[in-house]
Protein backbone atom coordinates (compact mmCIF):
# COMPACT_ATOMS: atom_id res chain seq x y z
CA VAL A 1 -0.90 -96.19 62.28
CA LYS A 2 -3.57 -93.54 62.84
CA TRP A 3 -2.04 -90.99 60.50
CA LYS A 4 -4.21 -89.73 57.71
CA GLY A 5 -2.99 -88.95 54.25
CA LYS A 6 -2.95 -85.22 55.11
CA ASP A 7 -0.56 -85.85 58.03
CA LEU A 8 1.98 -87.63 55.87
CA PHE A 9 1.62 -85.04 53.08
CA ASP A 10 2.09 -82.09 55.48
CA LEU A 11 5.20 -83.74 56.96
CA VAL A 12 6.74 -84.02 53.48
CA CYS A 13 5.86 -80.40 52.66
CA ARG A 14 7.39 -79.15 55.91
CA THR A 15 10.51 -81.20 55.25
CA VAL A 16 11.13 -79.65 51.83
CA GLY A 17 9.90 -76.18 52.89
CA LEU A 18 6.96 -76.09 50.47
CA ARG A 19 4.05 -73.67 50.92
CA GLU A 20 2.34 -74.04 47.54
CA THR A 21 1.01 -77.44 48.45
CA TRP A 22 -2.13 -77.44 46.28
CA PHE A 23 -0.19 -78.54 43.19
CA PHE A 24 1.27 -81.71 44.73
CA GLY A 25 0.24 -85.07 46.11
CA LEU A 26 1.51 -88.49 47.13
CA ARG A 27 1.10 -91.10 44.44
CA TYR A 28 1.40 -94.84 44.75
CA THR A 29 1.08 -97.78 42.34
CA ILE A 30 -1.63 -100.45 42.73
CA LYS A 31 -2.51 -103.24 40.27
CA ASP A 32 -0.77 -101.81 37.16
CA THR A 33 -2.26 -98.38 37.68
CA TYR A 34 -1.61 -95.47 39.98
CA ALA A 35 -3.63 -93.62 42.57
CA TRP A 36 -3.27 -90.53 44.75
CA LEU A 37 -3.28 -90.73 48.53
CA LYS A 38 -6.48 -89.22 49.90
CA PRO A 39 -5.86 -86.61 52.60
CA ASP A 40 -8.99 -87.21 54.71
CA LYS A 41 -8.59 -90.96 55.17
CA ARG A 42 -6.08 -92.90 57.19
CA VAL A 43 -3.14 -94.10 55.14
CA LEU A 44 -3.46 -97.78 56.04
CA ASP A 45 -7.20 -97.81 55.35
CA GLN A 46 -6.65 -96.89 51.71
CA GLU A 47 -5.71 -99.29 48.90
CA VAL A 48 -2.00 -98.79 49.43
CA PRO A 49 0.46 -101.62 48.77
CA LYS A 50 1.01 -103.97 51.67
CA ASP A 51 4.77 -103.89 51.17
CA SER A 52 7.10 -102.81 53.91
CA PRO A 53 8.18 -100.08 53.54
CA ILE A 54 5.43 -98.51 51.46
CA THR A 55 6.72 -96.39 48.56
CA PHE A 56 5.02 -93.06 47.72
CA HIS A 57 6.08 -90.59 45.01
CA PHE A 58 5.82 -86.88 45.83
CA LEU A 59 4.73 -85.45 42.45
CA ALA A 60 2.83 -82.59 40.90
CA LYS A 61 -0.81 -83.65 40.68
CA PHE A 62 -2.06 -80.45 39.04
CA PHE A 63 -0.19 -78.13 36.68
CA PRO A 64 -0.43 -74.34 36.46
CA GLU A 65 -1.68 -72.61 33.35
CA LYS A 66 1.16 -70.03 33.42
CA VAL A 67 4.19 -71.05 35.39
CA GLU A 68 5.72 -67.57 35.59
CA GLU A 69 2.57 -66.20 37.31
CA GLU A 70 1.52 -69.08 39.54
CA LEU A 71 4.80 -70.60 40.76
CA VAL A 72 6.10 -68.29 43.46
CA GLN A 73 8.43 -70.32 45.62
CA GLU A 74 11.79 -71.36 44.25
CA ILE A 75 11.37 -74.87 45.64
CA THR A 76 8.05 -75.13 43.79
CA GLN A 77 9.74 -74.14 40.53
CA HIS A 78 12.57 -76.60 41.17
CA LEU A 79 10.20 -79.51 41.86
CA PHE A 80 8.21 -78.77 38.69
CA PHE A 81 11.46 -78.46 36.74
CA LEU A 82 12.69 -81.86 37.92
CA GLN A 83 9.36 -83.59 37.15
CA VAL A 84 8.88 -82.04 33.72
CA LYS A 85 12.50 -82.76 32.77
CA LYS A 86 12.07 -86.41 33.82
CA GLN A 87 8.83 -86.71 31.78
CA ILE A 88 10.53 -85.25 28.70
CA LEU A 89 13.55 -87.58 28.95
CA GLU A 90 11.23 -90.60 29.49
CA GLU A 91 9.14 -89.39 26.51
CA GLU A 92 5.94 -88.98 28.54
CA ILE A 93 6.00 -85.50 27.02
CA LEU A 94 7.00 -85.48 23.36
CA CYS A 95 9.33 -82.74 22.24
CA SER A 96 10.88 -81.70 18.92
CA PRO A 97 14.68 -82.02 18.48
CA GLU A 98 15.16 -78.24 18.35
CA ALA A 99 13.15 -77.69 21.52
CA SER A 100 14.97 -80.62 23.18
CA VAL A 101 18.37 -79.00 22.51
CA LEU A 102 17.16 -75.63 23.81
CA LEU A 103 15.67 -77.22 26.95
CA ALA A 104 18.91 -79.15 27.48
CA SER A 105 20.92 -75.91 27.30
CA TYR A 106 18.77 -74.36 30.07
CA ALA A 107 19.14 -77.53 32.14
CA VAL A 108 22.94 -77.26 31.77
CA GLN A 109 22.80 -73.59 32.77
CA ALA A 110 20.79 -74.48 35.87
CA LYS A 111 23.27 -77.21 36.82
CA TYR A 112 26.68 -75.73 35.91
CA GLY A 113 26.10 -71.97 35.96
CA ASP A 114 27.76 -69.66 33.41
CA TYR A 115 29.78 -71.21 30.63
CA ASP A 116 33.56 -71.03 31.06
CA PRO A 117 35.60 -72.43 28.14
CA ASN A 118 38.62 -72.86 30.40
CA PHE A 119 36.64 -75.02 32.83
CA HIS A 120 33.98 -76.64 30.64
CA LYS A 121 36.20 -78.63 28.33
CA PRO A 122 34.83 -80.84 25.53
CA GLY A 123 33.24 -83.95 27.03
CA PHE A 124 32.02 -82.34 30.27
CA LEU A 125 28.40 -83.33 29.40
CA ALA A 126 29.25 -86.96 28.68
CA GLN A 127 27.73 -88.21 31.97
CA ASP A 128 24.53 -86.10 31.81
CA GLU A 129 21.25 -87.33 30.31
CA LEU A 130 19.91 -84.29 28.48
CA LEU A 131 18.07 -85.50 25.35
CA PRO A 132 15.32 -88.11 24.82
CA LYS A 133 16.39 -91.36 23.19
CA ARG A 134 13.89 -90.79 20.37
CA VAL A 135 15.70 -87.57 19.43
CA LEU A 136 19.12 -89.24 19.62
CA MET A 137 17.96 -92.09 17.35
CA GLN A 138 16.28 -89.73 14.90
CA TYR A 139 19.55 -88.23 13.67
CA GLN A 140 22.89 -89.87 12.86
CA MET A 141 24.94 -87.66 15.13
CA THR A 142 27.62 -88.53 17.64
CA ALA A 143 27.52 -87.53 21.30
CA ASP A 144 30.22 -84.93 20.65
CA MET A 145 28.12 -83.32 17.92
CA TRP A 146 25.07 -83.13 20.21
CA GLU A 147 27.25 -81.69 22.96
CA GLU A 148 28.58 -79.06 20.57
CA LYS A 149 25.03 -77.96 19.68
CA ILE A 150 23.95 -77.83 23.33
CA THR A 151 27.10 -75.92 24.32
CA ALA A 152 26.47 -73.34 21.58
CA TRP A 153 23.07 -72.51 23.15
CA TYR A 154 24.46 -72.87 26.67
CA ALA A 155 27.13 -70.21 26.03
CA GLU A 156 24.37 -67.68 25.19
CA HIS A 157 22.68 -68.06 28.61
CA ARG A 158 25.50 -66.34 30.46
CA GLY A 159 24.32 -64.33 33.46
CA ILE A 160 21.09 -66.32 34.05
CA ALA A 161 20.66 -67.61 37.60
CA ARG A 162 19.62 -71.17 38.42
CA ASP A 163 16.01 -70.40 39.27
CA GLU A 164 15.68 -68.21 36.19
CA ALA A 165 17.08 -70.99 33.98
CA GLU A 166 14.57 -73.46 35.48
CA MET A 167 11.72 -71.00 34.93
CA GLU A 168 12.78 -70.54 31.28
CA TYR A 169 12.79 -74.32 30.97
CA LEU A 170 9.19 -74.54 32.32
CA LYS A 171 7.99 -71.66 30.14
CA ILE A 172 9.16 -73.56 27.04
CA ALA A 173 7.84 -76.90 28.31
CA GLN A 174 4.30 -75.54 29.11
CA ASP A 175 3.78 -74.81 25.41
CA LEU A 176 4.24 -78.48 24.51
CA GLU A 177 1.01 -80.33 23.61
CA MET A 178 1.45 -83.11 26.19
CA TYR A 179 2.51 -80.84 29.07
CA GLY A 180 0.40 -81.44 32.23
CA VAL A 181 -1.98 -83.87 30.53
CA SER A 182 -3.03 -87.13 32.24
CA TYR A 183 -4.13 -89.73 29.72
CA PHE A 184 -6.68 -92.54 30.28
CA ALA A 185 -7.92 -95.27 27.94
CA ILE A 186 -11.69 -95.08 27.31
CA THR A 187 -14.31 -96.39 24.88
CA GLN A 188 -17.45 -94.79 23.46
CA ASN A 189 -20.86 -96.30 24.07
CA LYS A 190 -22.24 -96.47 20.54
CA ARG A 191 -19.44 -97.68 18.32
CA ASP A 192 -17.22 -99.12 21.04
CA THR A 193 -14.22 -97.18 19.65
CA ASP A 194 -10.98 -96.97 21.60
CA LEU A 195 -10.17 -93.43 22.61
CA LEU A 196 -7.98 -91.51 24.98
CA LEU A 197 -9.19 -89.04 27.56
CA GLY A 198 -6.85 -86.24 28.51
CA VAL A 199 -7.27 -84.17 31.69
CA ASP A 200 -5.26 -80.98 32.21
CA ALA A 201 -5.57 -77.45 33.58
CA GLN A 202 -7.60 -76.27 30.58
CA GLY A 203 -10.26 -79.00 30.49
CA LEU A 204 -11.02 -82.45 29.06
CA HIS A 205 -9.79 -83.61 25.66
CA ILE A 206 -10.64 -86.62 23.52
CA TYR A 207 -7.76 -88.13 21.49
CA SER A 208 -7.32 -90.91 19.00
CA PRO A 209 -5.34 -93.84 20.39
CA ASN A 210 -2.36 -93.22 18.11
CA SER A 211 -2.25 -89.44 18.52
CA LYS A 212 -1.73 -87.67 21.84
CA LEU A 213 -0.80 -84.32 20.33
CA SER A 214 -3.97 -83.08 18.63
CA PRO A 215 -7.34 -83.73 20.38
CA ASN A 216 -10.43 -84.68 18.35
CA LYS A 217 -12.73 -82.90 20.77
CA SER A 218 -12.17 -80.62 23.74
CA PHE A 219 -14.32 -79.61 26.72
CA PRO A 220 -12.93 -76.54 28.52
CA TRP A 221 -13.72 -76.17 32.18
CA SER A 222 -15.63 -73.01 31.51
CA GLY A 223 -17.96 -74.96 29.19
CA ILE A 224 -18.71 -77.95 31.45
CA ARG A 225 -21.85 -77.88 33.61
CA ASN A 226 -21.46 -81.22 35.38
CA ILE A 227 -19.27 -84.33 35.43
CA SER A 228 -20.51 -87.60 36.92
CA TYR A 229 -19.90 -91.32 36.68
CA SER A 230 -21.83 -94.45 37.49
CA GLU A 231 -19.60 -97.42 37.91
CA LYS A 232 -17.73 -97.56 34.57
CA GLU A 233 -19.87 -94.99 32.77
CA PHE A 234 -18.63 -91.43 32.74
CA THR A 235 -20.87 -88.47 31.76
CA ILE A 236 -19.86 -84.94 30.73
CA LYS A 237 -22.69 -82.39 30.59
CA PRO A 238 -21.90 -79.24 28.67
CA LEU A 239 -22.98 -75.84 29.96
CA ASP A 240 -24.80 -75.28 26.71
CA LYS A 241 -27.91 -77.42 26.93
CA LYS A 242 -28.19 -77.56 23.20
CA LYS A 243 -25.02 -79.62 22.97
CA ASP A 244 -25.11 -83.36 23.42
CA VAL A 245 -24.00 -85.05 26.61
CA PHE A 246 -20.74 -86.94 26.10
CA LYS A 247 -20.52 -90.38 27.62
CA PHE A 248 -17.62 -92.82 27.68
CA TYR A 249 -16.60 -95.96 29.53
CA SER A 250 -13.46 -96.96 31.32
CA SER A 251 -12.19 -100.43 32.08
CA GLN A 252 -12.06 -100.02 35.84
CA LEU A 253 -14.03 -98.28 38.51
CA ARG A 254 -10.78 -97.13 40.11
CA VAL A 255 -9.90 -95.29 36.92
CA ASN A 256 -13.25 -93.48 36.94
CA LYS A 257 -12.62 -92.36 40.49
CA LEU A 258 -9.15 -91.13 39.53
CA ILE A 259 -10.55 -89.27 36.53
CA LEU A 260 -13.22 -87.63 38.65
CA GLN A 261 -10.69 -86.69 41.31
CA LEU A 262 -8.42 -85.02 38.69
CA CYS A 263 -11.36 -83.28 37.09
CA ILE A 264 -12.57 -81.85 40.39
CA GLY A 265 -9.07 -80.66 41.37
CA ASN A 266 -8.28 -79.03 38.03
CA HIS A 267 -11.74 -77.41 37.89
CA ASP A 268 -11.34 -75.98 41.38
CA LEU A 269 -7.94 -74.52 40.50
CA PHE A 270 -9.38 -73.17 37.25
CA MET A 271 -12.10 -71.35 39.14
CA ARG A 272 -9.80 -70.12 41.89
CA ARG A 273 -7.41 -68.59 39.33
CA ARG A 274 -10.24 -66.47 38.08
CA ARG A 275 -11.22 -65.10 41.45
CA VAL A 276 -9.89 -61.58 42.02
CA ASP A 277 -9.10 -61.96 45.71
CA SER A 278 -7.36 -65.27 45.42
CA VAL A 279 -4.50 -65.12 47.89
CA GLU A 280 -3.07 -68.50 47.13
CA VAL A 281 -3.34 -68.64 43.33
CA GLN A 282 -2.52 -65.03 42.48
CA PRO A 283 -0.10 -63.83 45.20
CA LYS A 284 0.80 -60.41 43.76
CA GLU A 285 2.50 -59.24 46.94
CA GLU A 286 4.63 -62.37 47.02
CA LYS A 287 5.62 -61.88 43.40
CA ALA A 288 6.49 -58.23 43.99
CA ARG A 289 8.57 -59.20 47.01
CA LYS A 290 10.30 -61.91 45.02
CA LYS A 291 10.90 -59.51 42.16
CA MET A 292 12.44 -57.04 44.59
CA GLU A 293 14.58 -59.79 46.08
CA ARG A 294 15.76 -60.74 42.60
CA GLN A 295 16.61 -57.15 41.84
CA ILE A 296 18.53 -56.85 45.11
CA LEU A 297 20.24 -60.15 44.37
CA ALA A 298 21.09 -58.96 40.85
CA ARG A 299 22.54 -55.72 42.24
CA GLU A 300 24.52 -57.62 44.84
CA LYS A 301 25.70 -60.03 42.17
CA GLN A 302 26.70 -57.13 39.95
CA MET A 303 28.50 -55.43 42.84
CA ARG A 304 30.22 -58.69 43.71
CA GLU A 305 31.29 -59.16 40.09
CA GLU A 306 32.57 -55.58 39.98
CA ALA A 307 34.42 -56.15 43.26
CA GLU A 308 35.88 -59.38 41.89
CA ARG A 309 36.90 -57.61 38.70
CA ALA A 310 38.44 -54.78 40.76
CA LYS A 311 40.21 -57.37 42.88
CA GLU A 312 41.47 -59.17 39.78
CA GLU A 313 42.58 -55.85 38.33
CA MET A 314 44.39 -54.97 41.56
CA GLU A 315 46.00 -58.42 41.66
CA ARG A 316 46.99 -58.05 38.02
CA ARG A 317 48.38 -54.58 38.75
CA LEU A 318 50.18 -55.96 41.80
CA PHE A 319 51.70 -58.76 39.74
CA GLN A 320 52.63 -56.22 37.07
CA LEU A 321 54.28 -53.95 39.67
CA GLN A 322 56.08 -56.95 41.14
CA ASP A 323 57.31 -57.90 37.68
CA GLU A 324 58.39 -54.31 37.05
CA ALA A 325 60.18 -54.21 40.42
CA ARG A 326 61.86 -57.54 39.66
CA LEU A 327 62.89 -56.29 36.23
CA ALA A 328 64.15 -53.02 37.78
CA ASN A 329 66.19 -54.98 40.33
CA GLU A 330 67.58 -57.16 37.59
CA ALA A 331 68.38 -54.05 35.53
CA LEU A 332 70.06 -52.49 38.59
CA LEU A 333 72.11 -55.63 39.14
CA ARG A 334 73.02 -55.69 35.46
CA SER A 335 73.93 -51.98 35.65
CA GLU A 336 76.14 -52.62 38.68
CA GLU A 337 77.74 -55.56 36.93
CA THR A 338 78.17 -53.42 33.82
CA ALA A 339 79.71 -50.60 35.90
CA ASP A 340 82.10 -53.06 37.54
CA LEU A 341 82.92 -54.51 34.16
CA LEU A 342 83.46 -51.07 32.66
CA ALA A 343 85.66 -50.09 35.61
CA GLU A 344 87.65 -53.27 35.14
CA LYS A 345 87.86 -52.59 31.41
CA ALA A 346 88.95 -48.99 32.12
CA GLN A 347 91.65 -50.28 34.45
CA ILE A 348 92.72 -52.81 31.83
CA ALA A 349 92.67 -50.07 29.17
CA GLU A 350 94.77 -47.82 31.44
CA GLU A 351 97.24 -50.63 31.99
CA GLU A 352 97.28 -51.30 28.25
CA ALA A 353 97.85 -47.58 27.63
CA LYS A 354 100.76 -47.61 30.05
CA LEU A 355 102.08 -50.75 28.41
CA LEU A 356 101.68 -49.19 24.97
CA ALA A 357 103.41 -46.02 26.17
CA HIS A 358 106.22 -48.16 27.55
CA LYS A 359 106.36 -50.07 24.28
CA ALA A 360 106.30 -46.79 22.37
CA ALA A 361 109.22 -45.57 24.45
CA GLU A 362 111.02 -48.83 23.84
CA ALA A 363 110.15 -48.55 20.15
CA GLU A 364 111.52 -44.99 20.12
CA GLN A 365 114.69 -46.20 21.83
CA GLU A 366 114.88 -49.06 19.37
CA ARG A 367 114.37 -46.60 16.52
CA GLN A 368 117.16 -44.39 17.83
CA ARG A 369 119.33 -47.43 18.36
CA LEU A 370 118.54 -48.57 14.84
CA GLU A 371 119.40 -45.12 13.50
CA VAL A 372 122.72 -45.27 15.36
CA THR A 373 123.13 -48.81 14.11
CA ALA A 374 122.27 -47.61 10.62
CA LEU A 375 124.90 -44.92 10.91
CA LYS A 376 127.35 -47.47 12.22
CA THR A 377 126.27 -49.78 9.43
CA LYS A 378 126.93 -47.06 6.91
CA GLU A 379 130.35 -46.44 8.45
CA GLU A 380 130.99 -50.16 8.59
CA LYS A 381 129.83 -50.40 5.01
CA ARG A 382 132.20 -47.67 4.03
CA LEU A 383 135.01 -49.40 5.92
CA MET A 384 134.01 -52.70 4.42
CA GLU A 385 133.98 -51.17 0.98
CA GLN A 386 137.42 -49.76 1.69
CA LYS A 387 138.58 -53.14 2.98
CA MET A 388 136.97 -54.74 -0.03
CA ARG A 389 138.93 -52.45 -2.32
CA GLU A 390 142.06 -53.18 -0.35
CA ALA A 391 141.25 -56.89 -0.49
CA GLU A 392 140.69 -56.59 -4.21
CA GLN A 393 144.04 -54.88 -4.59
CA LEU A 394 145.62 -57.51 -2.35
CA ALA A 395 143.90 -60.20 -4.37
CA VAL A 396 145.28 -58.66 -7.56
CA LYS A 397 148.72 -58.55 -5.99
CA LEU A 398 148.34 -62.12 -4.80
CA VAL A 399 147.20 -63.16 -8.23
CA GLU A 400 150.20 -61.43 -9.72
CA GLN A 401 152.45 -63.06 -7.12
CA SER A 402 150.78 -66.36 -7.79
CA GLU A 403 151.32 -65.97 -11.48
CA ARG A 404 154.87 -64.94 -10.85
CA ARG A 405 155.43 -67.86 -8.54
CA LEU A 406 153.86 -70.12 -11.10
CA LYS A 407 156.29 -68.81 -13.68
CA GLU A 408 159.12 -69.33 -11.23
CA ALA A 409 157.85 -72.83 -10.61
CA ASP A 410 157.80 -73.42 -14.32
CA HIS A 411 161.34 -72.11 -14.56
CA LEU A 412 162.34 -74.31 -11.66
CA LYS A 413 160.65 -77.28 -13.25
CA GLN A 414 162.51 -76.48 -16.43
CA ASP A 415 165.75 -76.12 -14.50
CA LEU A 416 164.98 -79.38 -12.78
CA THR A 417 164.40 -81.04 -16.10
CA GLU A 418 167.63 -79.66 -17.39
CA ALA A 419 169.40 -80.80 -14.21
CA LYS A 420 167.92 -84.24 -14.68
CA ASP A 421 169.13 -84.28 -18.21
CA ALA A 422 172.65 -83.12 -17.13
CA GLU A 423 172.60 -85.75 -14.38
CA ARG A 424 171.58 -88.40 -16.85
CA ARG A 425 174.32 -87.34 -19.18
CA ALA A 426 176.81 -87.25 -16.27
CA LYS A 427 175.68 -90.72 -15.25
CA GLN A 428 176.08 -91.89 -18.75
CA LYS A 429 179.47 -90.37 -18.94
CA LEU A 430 180.36 -91.79 -15.54
CA LEU A 431 179.29 -95.26 -16.60
CA GLU A 432 181.34 -95.00 -19.72
CA ILE A 433 184.42 -93.94 -17.74
CA THR A 434 183.79 -96.69 -15.22
CA LYS A 435 183.54 -99.38 -17.88
CA THR A 436 186.78 -98.30 -19.52
CA THR A 437 188.83 -97.72 -16.36
CA TYR A 438 187.64 -100.47 -14.05
CA PRO A 439 186.71 -103.68 -15.86
CA LEU A 440 186.90 -105.78 -12.75
CA ILE A 441 184.21 -103.98 -10.73
CA ALA A 442 182.01 -107.05 -10.69
CA ALA A 443 184.45 -108.85 -8.44
CA TYR A 444 183.78 -106.63 -5.53
CA SER A 445 181.08 -107.64 -3.14
CA ALA A 446 178.00 -105.47 -2.97
CA PRO A 447 177.71 -103.07 0.03
CA PRO A 448 174.48 -102.57 2.11
CA ALA A 449 171.66 -100.91 0.26
CA PRO A 450 171.62 -97.08 0.59
CA PRO A 451 168.59 -95.28 2.07
CA PRO A 452 165.79 -94.53 -0.33
CA PRO A 453 166.07 -91.21 -2.10
CA PRO A 454 163.76 -88.35 -1.20
CA PRO A 455 160.52 -87.93 -3.10
CA GLU A 456 161.85 -84.98 -5.06
CA ALA A 457 164.83 -87.14 -6.36
CA SER A 458 162.78 -90.26 -7.08
CA ASN A 459 163.60 -89.93 -10.77
CA PHE A 460 167.32 -90.30 -10.11
CA SER A 461 168.81 -93.85 -10.14
CA TYR A 462 172.33 -94.57 -9.09
CA ASP A 463 174.26 -97.77 -9.42
CA SER A 464 175.15 -98.89 -5.87
CA THR A 465 178.37 -100.35 -7.05
CA SER A 466 179.44 -97.06 -8.59
CA MET A 467 178.55 -95.12 -5.37
CA ARG A 468 180.78 -97.43 -3.26
CA LEU A 469 183.81 -97.05 -5.56
CA ASP A 470 186.92 -95.49 -4.38
CA PHE A 471 187.28 -92.60 -6.72
CA LYS A 472 190.94 -91.85 -7.47
CA ASP A 473 190.30 -89.66 -10.41
CA PRO A 474 190.11 -86.05 -9.18
CA ASP A 475 187.87 -85.04 -12.13
CA MET A 476 185.32 -87.69 -11.37
CA LYS A 477 185.31 -86.81 -7.74
CA ARG A 478 184.86 -83.17 -8.47
CA LEU A 479 182.05 -83.97 -10.91
CA SER A 480 180.30 -86.15 -8.43
CA MET A 481 180.48 -83.43 -5.81
CA GLU A 482 179.08 -80.85 -8.16
CA ILE A 483 176.27 -83.15 -9.06
CA GLU A 484 175.59 -83.83 -5.42
CA ARG A 485 175.70 -80.13 -4.60
CA GLU A 486 173.35 -79.27 -7.44
CA ARG A 487 171.03 -82.03 -6.35
CA LEU A 488 170.93 -80.71 -2.79
CA GLU A 489 170.37 -77.15 -3.99
CA TYR A 490 167.61 -78.32 -6.27
CA MET A 491 165.99 -80.25 -3.41
CA GLU A 492 166.20 -77.18 -1.16
CA LYS A 493 164.72 -74.93 -3.83
CA SER A 494 162.04 -77.45 -4.58
CA LYS A 495 161.14 -77.73 -0.90
CA HIS A 496 161.18 -73.94 -0.50
CA LEU A 497 158.98 -73.54 -3.58
CA GLN A 498 156.49 -76.11 -2.28
CA ASP A 499 156.32 -74.28 1.06
CA GLN A 500 155.69 -71.02 -0.74
CA LEU A 501 152.97 -72.68 -2.84
CA LYS A 502 151.30 -74.05 0.30
CA GLU A 503 151.50 -70.65 2.00
CA LEU A 504 150.09 -68.94 -1.07
CA LYS A 505 147.29 -71.47 -1.24
CA SER A 506 146.36 -70.93 2.42
CA GLU A 507 146.48 -67.15 1.95
CA ILE A 508 144.19 -67.39 -1.06
CA GLU A 509 141.71 -69.53 0.89
CA SER A 510 141.72 -67.09 3.83
CA LEU A 511 141.24 -64.17 1.48
CA LYS A 512 138.28 -65.90 -0.12
CA LEU A 513 136.71 -66.47 3.30
CA GLU A 514 137.31 -62.85 4.32
CA GLU A 515 136.01 -61.61 1.00
CA HIS A 516 132.84 -63.74 1.39
CA ARG A 517 132.36 -62.50 4.96
CA PHE A 518 133.04 -58.86 3.99
CA TYR A 519 130.74 -58.90 0.93
CA GLU A 520 127.67 -60.36 2.73
CA TRP A 521 126.06 -58.37 5.58
CA PRO A 522 122.39 -57.87 6.75
CA HIS A 523 120.79 -54.58 6.12
CA ARG A 524 117.88 -53.79 8.48
CA GLU A 525 115.10 -51.33 7.75
CA THR A 526 112.65 -50.12 10.40
CA LEU A 527 109.12 -49.34 9.27
CA SER A 528 106.68 -47.76 11.79
CA ARG A 529 102.93 -48.23 11.02
CA GLY A 530 100.11 -47.43 13.56
CA GLY A 531 102.32 -47.68 16.60
CA HIS A 532 103.64 -51.12 15.55
CA THR A 533 107.30 -51.77 14.59
CA GLN A 534 108.20 -53.94 11.60
CA LYS A 535 111.71 -55.14 10.66
CA ARG A 536 112.95 -56.37 7.36
CA SER A 537 116.33 -57.84 6.47
CA THR A 538 117.84 -57.36 3.06
CA LEU A 539 120.85 -59.48 2.06
CA PHE A 540 123.28 -57.71 -0.22
CA THR A 541 125.73 -60.03 -1.96
CA CYS A 542 128.69 -58.63 -3.82
CA GLN A 543 130.60 -60.91 -6.13
CA THR A 544 133.91 -60.30 -7.86
């Protein structure tokens, strides 16, 4: 309850580790405007909101003229970076599209570090707010197109540390017209014209209401002799007495107090920057120490990168050696397998050689056997030819015998015909004698029928009555006996001739079979090509 504003402010600074405290303050909002917590008064005695808890904003109250010279601590740079970035995105500080893209690339470098295409894939900035809405609405470009432009600049910032990227961001932002300017609505006394008053580290500026970029009139701190206010009236007295005093009015007394407070603070910092022995504003020793620390950090970073590269190279070499060893082992295994396979093939080839030698020996034996067979075949051929000639001679003899037998058969047939004719004549003569000598033959009873005649005598017909007669004539009896004898001789000759014909026929058939068997025989030729044996059979057919 008894804490003053300074107590609360010092607690915040100790919490964040801030030593450059003169740039910052605790701001709060009261009745649609803002105010800064006064350090010499108790917190609860000031016009702070009565809410519980009370909300204060730890912000930069005063801005440096040159950020690279005045901001020493890294936490100071980071706090300024966050506040300026927020003001640009909320369009409290207007920025061109080109500068917005460049500032966004440094913000990405500060957040993500060096660009890595393998890690920073397209779309990795989709959740980040990097550009003001006014810039996004000004051009008809998609989020991917904006990301591509930011990434192109971001890739060029490789090797820049986070604090360096934030410092580059502030160095670009401090050149913007609205950087570090606090604007207040005022009116002039004479014409009652609405104006804007701007307070920054350089001085006081008067703006038109619709233009915050180019001031109509400026009062640098070096040219101001005195600043005072009386209730709502505010007076600026130039150092040059010849110039007119500038007066303006504000709507509220609280605003005049805030303007005066900002003017006093910025003027004090302006004067302190220009003092030679200023320990707080121009800390040369601190900057030199920080520069040395950065150099040491850069060397350590370079050494670490070299060590990492050496480690990666050693790992790559190790992997390469492992791959080579694996390949060598595989090659050794393949060589062993190949050696085993070759040994197996050599064994198989040796066995095949033995088999081929055995087959060659067999082929040689077969060749010799075939030569002997050929010789035997020649001898057999000669014998067969001799037998063939003998068979031909025998066939000629048989043909001659056959012809002779055929002639004999013709003679026999002729004799048989003549015998038949003589028999017929004898029968005729016998019938004539019988009719004249024995007219009463019909009275005798007929005897049993005689047996049928043989096939050779089928042409003879005898009267059964005449054969059963009792011949008393010696001539007739003698004639009948002669006829019977001739018939029996003829039958015997005929039977003998038929047997000879059958025998001749069978001999002819056997000779034909032997001749066919003798005149057809296989002739084998043995041809040897490339260690392989080929056989051909040639059929020789001899016909007579």
